[in-house]
Each structure stands twice: as structure tokens, then as C-alpha cells.
Amino acid sequence: MSGRGWLAWLHRRPLAAFLLLGLSFLLFGAATVNLALLLQLNLKLWLDVGWQAAMDGALRQLGELLLSGYAAMAAYIVFKCCERVLVERLTRCDDDKRK
């Protein structure tokens, strides 16, 4: 399904858009809080131990943290798309009543 097709599907199903909005909000929030904490600890380990940290798995963990960051960004994009759909739907109803 293309991006526009997905948005059209959300326009036709406002309840699904609202539920997806809430889910993506929770996923984004949980991922970013966890990501910030783990990234801070990972960088502290690198500064304290140096290259030995990479050999002990910190490099792999850093890669996983970067992937988690992209997953959080994807959740944010889903959140913004659902928000747009719901705002357009709510404001369109107000515009139709004025005419």
C-alpha cells in the first residue's frame, strides 16, 4: 500500500487512526527514554574503557541503539501521519458547517 493509500485508509477509519496514534505515541515515548539512557551509558563506557569496550560488545550495542533510534523515528512518523489525518478530519467538519 502506498503512502497516499495508507493515509486514505486512515481517513476512512478515524477510530483506527486514533488507536494507531496512541500506540505510536507510547512506542515513541518508551523508545526515546530508553534510547537516551542506554546511549548515555554506552558512550560513558567507551570513554572510560576505550577500544576494549568495542571488543566486549559495546560496538554491537551501539549499532542496536542506532537501529532503535530509527524504530523510534518510524513510530514518530506514524504518529504525525495519524495526527494529520485526525486534525484534517476534525477541522474539515468545522469548515463544512460554516458554508
N, C-alpha and C. Protein backbone atom coordinates (compact mmCIF):
# COMPACT_ATOMS: atom_id res chain seq x y z
N MET A 1 0.86 -1.17 0.00
CA MET A 1 0.00 0.00 0.00
C MET A 1 0.90 1.23 0.00
N SER A 2 0.62 2.15 -0.90
CA SER A 2 1.43 3.36 -1.00
C SER A 2 1.13 4.29 0.17
N GLY A 3 1.95 5.33 0.31
CA GLY A 3 1.77 6.30 1.38
C GLY A 3 0.41 6.98 1.32
N ARG A 4 0.01 7.37 0.12
CA ARG A 4 -1.29 8.02 -0.03
C ARG A 4 -2.44 7.06 0.21
N GLY A 5 -2.26 5.82 -0.20
CA GLY A 5 -3.29 4.82 0.05
C GLY A 5 -3.47 4.55 1.53
N TRP A 6 -2.36 4.55 2.25
CA TRP A 6 -2.38 4.34 3.69
C TRP A 6 -3.08 5.50 4.38
N LEU A 7 -2.78 6.74 3.95
CA LEU A 7 -3.44 7.91 4.53
C LEU A 7 -4.94 7.90 4.20
N ALA A 8 -5.29 7.49 3.00
CA ALA A 8 -6.70 7.41 2.63
C ALA A 8 -7.42 6.38 3.50
N TRP A 9 -6.75 5.27 3.76
CA TRP A 9 -7.34 4.24 4.63
C TRP A 9 -7.58 4.81 6.02
N LEU A 10 -6.62 5.58 6.53
CA LEU A 10 -6.77 6.19 7.85
C LEU A 10 -7.90 7.22 7.86
N HIS A 11 -8.05 7.97 6.74
CA HIS A 11 -9.14 8.95 6.64
C HIS A 11 -10.50 8.27 6.74
N ARG A 12 -10.61 7.09 6.15
CA ARG A 12 -11.88 6.37 6.18
C ARG A 12 -12.14 5.70 7.52
N ARG A 13 -11.11 5.51 8.32
CA ARG A 13 -11.25 4.81 9.61
C ARG A 13 -10.64 5.66 10.72
N PRO A 14 -11.36 6.68 11.19
CA PRO A 14 -10.80 7.56 12.22
C PRO A 14 -10.52 6.85 13.55
N LEU A 15 -11.29 5.85 13.89
CA LEU A 15 -11.03 5.13 15.12
C LEU A 15 -9.70 4.38 15.04
N ALA A 16 -9.43 3.77 13.90
CA ALA A 16 -8.15 3.09 13.70
C ALA A 16 -7.00 4.09 13.74
N ALA A 17 -7.22 5.27 13.16
CA ALA A 17 -6.19 6.32 13.20
C ALA A 17 -5.92 6.75 14.64
N PHE A 18 -6.98 6.88 15.43
CA PHE A 18 -6.83 7.29 16.82
C PHE A 18 -6.09 6.22 17.63
N LEU A 19 -6.45 4.96 17.43
CA LEU A 19 -5.78 3.87 18.15
C LEU A 19 -4.31 3.76 17.75
N LEU A 20 -4.04 3.90 16.46
CA LEU A 20 -2.66 3.85 15.97
C LEU A 20 -1.87 5.05 16.47
N LEU A 21 -2.52 6.19 16.57
CA LEU A 21 -1.89 7.39 17.11
C LEU A 21 -1.43 7.13 18.54
N GLY A 22 -2.30 6.58 19.36
CA GLY A 22 -1.94 6.29 20.75
C GLY A 22 -0.84 5.27 20.87
N LEU A 23 -0.91 4.21 20.08
CA LEU A 23 0.11 3.18 20.12
C LEU A 23 1.47 3.72 19.70
N SER A 24 1.49 4.48 18.60
CA SER A 24 2.76 5.02 18.13
C SER A 24 3.32 6.04 19.12
N PHE A 25 2.45 6.79 19.79
CA PHE A 25 2.89 7.75 20.80
C PHE A 25 3.59 7.01 21.95
N LEU A 26 2.97 5.93 22.42
CA LEU A 26 3.57 5.15 23.50
C LEU A 26 4.89 4.51 23.09
N LEU A 27 4.93 3.95 21.88
CA LEU A 27 6.17 3.33 21.39
C LEU A 27 7.28 4.35 21.26
N PHE A 28 6.95 5.52 20.70
CA PHE A 28 7.95 6.57 20.53
C PHE A 28 8.47 7.04 21.89
N GLY A 29 7.56 7.27 22.83
CA GLY A 29 7.96 7.73 24.15
C GLY A 29 8.84 6.72 24.86
N ALA A 30 8.44 5.47 24.86
CA ALA A 30 9.22 4.44 25.54
C ALA A 30 10.58 4.25 24.87
N ALA A 31 10.59 4.26 23.56
CA ALA A 31 11.85 4.05 22.84
C ALA A 31 12.83 5.19 23.06
N THR A 32 12.36 6.42 23.09
CA THR A 32 13.28 7.53 23.22
C THR A 32 13.84 7.65 24.64
N VAL A 33 13.02 7.39 25.65
CA VAL A 33 13.53 7.44 27.03
C VAL A 33 14.58 6.36 27.22
N ASN A 34 14.27 5.16 26.81
CA ASN A 34 15.21 4.05 26.93
C ASN A 34 16.46 4.31 26.08
N LEU A 35 16.27 4.83 24.89
CA LEU A 35 17.38 5.09 23.99
C LEU A 35 18.34 6.12 24.57
N ALA A 36 17.82 7.19 25.12
CA ALA A 36 18.67 8.24 25.69
C ALA A 36 19.50 7.69 26.84
N LEU A 37 18.88 6.92 27.70
CA LEU A 37 19.59 6.36 28.85
C LEU A 37 20.69 5.38 28.40
N LEU A 38 20.34 4.46 27.53
CA LEU A 38 21.32 3.46 27.10
C LEU A 38 22.44 4.07 26.27
N LEU A 39 22.13 5.06 25.44
CA LEU A 39 23.15 5.72 24.64
C LEU A 39 24.13 6.46 25.55
N GLN A 40 23.63 7.11 26.58
CA GLN A 40 24.48 7.81 27.53
C GLN A 40 25.43 6.82 28.22
N LEU A 41 24.89 5.69 28.66
CA LEU A 41 25.72 4.69 29.32
C LEU A 41 26.74 4.07 28.38
N ASN A 42 26.35 3.83 27.13
CA ASN A 42 27.25 3.26 26.14
C ASN A 42 28.41 4.20 25.87
N LEU A 43 28.11 5.49 25.70
CA LEU A 43 29.18 6.45 25.44
C LEU A 43 30.10 6.62 26.65
N LYS A 44 29.54 6.56 27.85
CA LYS A 44 30.37 6.63 29.06
C LYS A 44 31.32 5.44 29.12
N LEU A 45 30.82 4.25 28.77
CA LEU A 45 31.67 3.06 28.74
C LEU A 45 32.81 3.23 27.76
N TRP A 46 32.52 3.76 26.58
CA TRP A 46 33.55 3.99 25.56
C TRP A 46 34.61 4.96 26.08
N LEU A 47 34.17 6.00 26.76
CA LEU A 47 35.14 6.98 27.27
C LEU A 47 35.97 6.42 28.42
N ASP A 48 35.35 5.59 29.24
CA ASP A 48 36.08 5.02 30.38
C ASP A 48 37.04 3.91 29.97
N VAL A 49 36.62 3.04 29.08
CA VAL A 49 37.40 1.83 28.77
C VAL A 49 38.14 1.94 27.45
N GLY A 50 37.60 2.68 26.51
CA GLY A 50 38.25 2.83 25.22
C GLY A 50 37.88 1.70 24.26
N TRP A 51 38.83 1.33 23.42
CA TRP A 51 38.58 0.34 22.37
C TRP A 51 38.22 -1.03 22.93
N GLN A 52 38.66 -1.32 24.13
CA GLN A 52 38.33 -2.61 24.76
C GLN A 52 36.81 -2.76 24.91
N ALA A 53 36.11 -1.64 25.09
CA ALA A 53 34.64 -1.67 25.19
C ALA A 53 34.03 -2.20 23.90
N ALA A 54 34.60 -1.80 22.77
CA ALA A 54 34.10 -2.28 21.48
C ALA A 54 34.29 -3.78 21.36
N MET A 55 35.42 -4.26 21.84
CA MET A 55 35.69 -5.69 21.76
C MET A 55 34.78 -6.49 22.69
N ASP A 56 34.29 -5.84 23.76
CA ASP A 56 33.43 -6.52 24.72
C ASP A 56 31.94 -6.42 24.37
N GLY A 57 31.62 -5.84 23.24
CA GLY A 57 30.23 -5.80 22.80
C GLY A 57 29.61 -4.42 22.74
N ALA A 58 30.33 -3.38 23.11
CA ALA A 58 29.76 -2.03 23.08
C ALA A 58 29.52 -1.56 21.65
N LEU A 59 30.32 -2.02 20.71
CA LEU A 59 30.12 -1.64 19.31
C LEU A 59 28.81 -2.22 18.79
N ARG A 60 28.57 -3.47 19.10
CA ARG A 60 27.30 -4.09 18.69
C ARG A 60 26.11 -3.39 19.37
N GLN A 61 26.28 -3.07 20.64
CA GLN A 61 25.22 -2.38 21.36
C GLN A 61 24.96 -1.01 20.75
N LEU A 62 26.01 -0.32 20.34
CA LEU A 62 25.83 0.98 19.69
C LEU A 62 25.04 0.84 18.40
N GLY A 63 25.34 -0.20 17.62
CA GLY A 63 24.57 -0.45 16.40
C GLY A 63 23.11 -0.73 16.70
N GLU A 64 22.85 -1.50 17.74
CA GLU A 64 21.47 -1.79 18.14
C GLU A 64 20.75 -0.52 18.60
N LEU A 65 21.48 0.35 19.28
CA LEU A 65 20.89 1.62 19.71
C LEU A 65 20.54 2.50 18.52
N LEU A 66 21.39 2.49 17.51
CA LEU A 66 21.08 3.26 16.30
C LEU A 66 19.85 2.72 15.60
N LEU A 67 19.72 1.40 15.54
CA LEU A 67 18.52 0.79 14.96
C LEU A 67 17.28 1.14 15.78
N SER A 68 17.43 1.15 17.09
CA SER A 68 16.31 1.54 17.96
C SER A 68 15.92 2.98 17.71
N GLY A 69 16.90 3.83 17.45
CA GLY A 69 16.62 5.22 17.13
C GLY A 69 15.80 5.35 15.86
N TYR A 70 16.14 4.56 14.85
CA TYR A 70 15.36 4.59 13.61
C TYR A 70 13.95 4.02 13.82
N ALA A 71 13.82 3.03 14.68
CA ALA A 71 12.49 2.50 15.00
C ALA A 71 11.66 3.55 15.72
N ALA A 72 12.28 4.31 16.63
CA ALA A 72 11.57 5.39 17.32
C ALA A 72 11.15 6.47 16.32
N MET A 73 12.02 6.75 15.37
CA MET A 73 11.69 7.75 14.34
C MET A 73 10.52 7.27 13.48
N ALA A 74 10.48 6.00 13.17
CA ALA A 74 9.36 5.45 12.40
C ALA A 74 8.06 5.57 13.19
N ALA A 75 8.11 5.31 14.49
CA ALA A 75 6.92 5.46 15.33
C ALA A 75 6.47 6.92 15.35
N TYR A 76 7.42 7.84 15.36
CA TYR A 76 7.08 9.27 15.34
C TYR A 76 6.41 9.66 14.02
N ILE A 77 6.89 9.11 12.92
CA ILE A 77 6.30 9.41 11.62
C ILE A 77 4.87 8.88 11.55
N VAL A 78 4.65 7.68 12.07
CA VAL A 78 3.29 7.12 12.12
C VAL A 78 2.41 8.02 12.98
N PHE A 79 2.93 8.47 14.12
CA PHE A 79 2.19 9.38 14.99
C PHE A 79 1.80 10.65 14.25
N LYS A 80 2.74 11.26 13.54
CA LYS A 80 2.46 12.51 12.84
C LYS A 80 1.45 12.30 11.70
N CYS A 81 1.52 11.18 11.01
CA CYS A 81 0.54 10.90 9.95
C CYS A 81 -0.86 10.75 10.53
N CYS A 82 -0.98 10.01 11.61
CA CYS A 82 -2.28 9.84 12.25
C CYS A 82 -2.80 11.16 12.79
N GLU A 83 -1.92 11.95 13.36
CA GLU A 83 -2.31 13.27 13.87
C GLU A 83 -2.85 14.14 12.74
N ARG A 84 -2.14 14.14 11.62
CA ARG A 84 -2.57 14.94 10.47
C ARG A 84 -3.96 14.51 9.99
N VAL A 85 -4.15 13.21 9.88
CA VAL A 85 -5.44 12.69 9.42
C VAL A 85 -6.56 13.13 10.36
N LEU A 86 -6.34 12.99 11.65
CA LEU A 86 -7.39 13.33 12.61
C LEU A 86 -7.65 14.83 12.65
N VAL A 87 -6.60 15.64 12.58
CA VAL A 87 -6.78 17.09 12.59
C VAL A 87 -7.52 17.53 11.33
N GLU A 88 -7.13 17.00 10.18
CA GLU A 88 -7.83 17.34 8.93
C GLU A 88 -9.30 16.94 9.01
N ARG A 89 -9.56 15.78 9.56
CA ARG A 89 -10.94 15.31 9.66
C ARG A 89 -11.75 16.21 10.59
N LEU A 90 -11.18 16.58 11.72
CA LEU A 90 -11.90 17.43 12.68
C LEU A 90 -12.09 18.85 12.16
N THR A 91 -11.10 19.41 11.52
CA THR A 91 -11.23 20.78 11.03
C THR A 91 -12.07 20.85 9.77
N ARG A 92 -12.11 19.81 8.98
CA ARG A 92 -12.96 19.79 7.79
C ARG A 92 -14.43 19.85 8.20
N CYS A 93 -14.78 19.18 9.26
CA CYS A 93 -16.17 19.20 9.74
C CYS A 93 -16.56 20.61 10.13
N ASP A 94 -15.68 21.35 10.77
CA ASP A 94 -15.97 22.73 11.15
C ASP A 94 -16.14 23.62 9.92
N ASP A 95 -15.30 23.42 8.91
CA ASP A 95 -15.40 24.22 7.68
C ASP A 95 -16.68 23.93 6.94
N ASP A 96 -17.14 22.67 6.93
CA ASP A 96 -18.36 22.30 6.23
C ASP A 96 -19.57 22.94 6.89
N LYS A 97 -19.58 23.09 8.21
CA LYS A 97 -20.69 23.68 8.93
C LYS A 97 -20.81 25.17 8.66
N ARG A 98 -19.68 25.85 8.40
CA ARG A 98 -19.69 27.29 8.16
C ARG A 98 -20.27 27.63 6.81
N LYS A 99 -20.16 26.73 5.84
CA LYS A 99 -20.63 27.04 4.48
C LYS A 99 -22.10 26.91 4.32
